[in-house]
Protein backbone atom coordinates (compact mmCIF):
# COMPACT_ATOMS: atom_id res chain seq x y z
CA UNK A 1 0.22 -0.07 0.07
CA UNK A 2 1.44 3.18 -0.78
CA UNK A 3 1.10 6.59 0.99
CA UNK A 4 0.17 9.29 -1.67
CA UNK A 5 2.22 12.03 0.30
CA UNK A 6 5.46 10.37 -0.33
CA UNK A 7 5.18 7.47 -2.45
CA UNK A 8 6.41 5.46 0.12
CA UNK A 9 5.24 1.73 0.51
CA UNK A 10 4.08 1.70 3.61
CA UNK A 11 1.62 -1.81 4.07
CA UNK A 12 2.52 -5.26 2.52
CA UNK A 13 1.79 -8.60 2.31
CA UNK A 14 2.81 -11.84 0.50
CA UNK A 15 0.59 -14.86 0.51
CA UNK A 16 -0.36 -18.09 -1.65
CA UNK A 17 -3.58 -16.99 -2.62
CA UNK A 18 -5.45 -13.56 -3.34
CA UNK A 19 -8.07 -13.41 -0.67
CA UNK A 20 -8.99 -10.69 2.10
CA UNK A 21 -6.42 -11.94 4.57
CA UNK A 22 -3.78 -10.91 2.50
CA UNK A 23 -5.37 -7.65 2.04
CA UNK A 24 -6.03 -7.42 5.84
CA UNK A 25 -2.59 -8.26 6.72
CA UNK A 26 -1.18 -5.87 4.24
CA UNK A 27 -3.62 -2.99 6.25
CA UNK A 28 -2.12 -4.56 9.74
CA UNK A 29 1.34 -4.03 8.68
CA UNK A 30 1.26 -0.37 8.26
CA UNK A 31 2.48 1.49 10.91
CA UNK A 32 -0.24 4.55 10.95
CA UNK A 33 -3.53 4.54 12.68
CA UNK A 34 -5.86 3.97 9.99
CA UNK A 35 -8.37 5.73 11.85
CA UNK A 36 -7.68 9.15 10.28
CA UNK A 37 -7.39 7.78 6.76
CA UNK A 38 -9.33 10.48 4.61
CA UNK A 39 -9.26 8.76 1.44
CA UNK A 40 -8.54 5.15 0.65
CA UNK A 41 -7.93 4.10 -3.14
CA UNK A 42 -7.89 1.07 -5.15
CA UNK A 43 -7.23 1.16 -9.08
CA UNK A 44 -8.19 -2.72 -9.02
CA UNK A 45 -6.03 -2.80 -11.71
CA UNK A 46 -4.55 -6.06 -13.69
CA UNK A 47 -1.82 -7.18 -11.67
CA UNK A 48 1.88 -7.49 -12.32
CA UNK A 49 2.52 -10.55 -14.24
CA UNK A 50 6.16 -12.20 -13.55
CA UNK A 51 7.46 -14.77 -15.02
CA UNK A 52 9.81 -15.38 -12.28
CA UNK A 53 8.86 -18.61 -10.10
CA UNK A 54 9.71 -18.23 -6.47
CA UNK A 55 10.90 -21.53 -4.43
CA UNK A 56 8.85 -20.70 -1.29
CA UNK A 57 6.59 -17.66 0.35
CA UNK A 58 9.98 -17.16 2.34
CA UNK A 59 11.98 -16.25 -0.72
CA UNK A 60 9.16 -14.06 -1.96
CA UNK A 61 8.92 -12.33 1.05
CA UNK A 62 12.38 -11.28 1.37
CA UNK A 63 12.91 -10.37 -2.14
CA UNK A 64 9.64 -8.27 -1.51
CA UNK A 65 11.40 -6.61 1.43
CA UNK A 66 14.40 -5.89 -0.34
CA UNK A 67 12.34 -4.56 -3.15
CA UNK A 68 10.57 -2.31 -0.57
CA UNK A 69 13.66 -1.15 1.15
CA UNK A 70 14.94 -0.08 -2.45
CA UNK A 71 11.85 1.97 -3.11
CA UNK A 72 11.38 3.69 0.23
CA UNK A 73 15.18 4.37 0.37
CA UNK A 74 16.81 4.66 -2.77
CA UNK A 75 14.66 5.06 -5.43
CA UNK A 76 14.17 8.54 -6.73
CA UNK A 77 10.88 10.05 -7.58
CA UNK A 78 10.63 13.02 -10.13
CA UNK A 79 7.56 14.04 -8.10
CA UNK A 80 9.04 14.39 -5.32
CA UNK A 81 12.01 16.72 -6.38
CA UNK A 82 13.98 13.59 -7.42
CA UNK A 83 14.36 12.41 -3.89
CA UNK A 84 13.39 9.07 -2.22
CA UNK A 85 10.04 8.47 -0.55
CA UNK A 86 11.92 8.43 3.00
CA UNK A 87 14.43 11.36 2.32
CA UNK A 88 11.27 13.57 1.00
CA UNK A 89 9.45 12.60 4.17
CA UNK A 90 12.01 13.87 6.28
């Protein structure tokens, strides 16, 4: 889940099935009080299709964690004056 203020990934989860529990786990991982959320948006668009086959859910979780760390700490966004999400937030 993406915070639109600074494009930071704030919530995520991995699982073997797409179901409500997967979404709830992602929402529970958000370190903010969700009672104050004014807008919650989903594009319900097509999912990213990846030809890579993960060996396990643990591997998927580790690689997802690494990607999110890169996205939040290193990836520069033109909409954030070419800063990373966490640098912009600071």
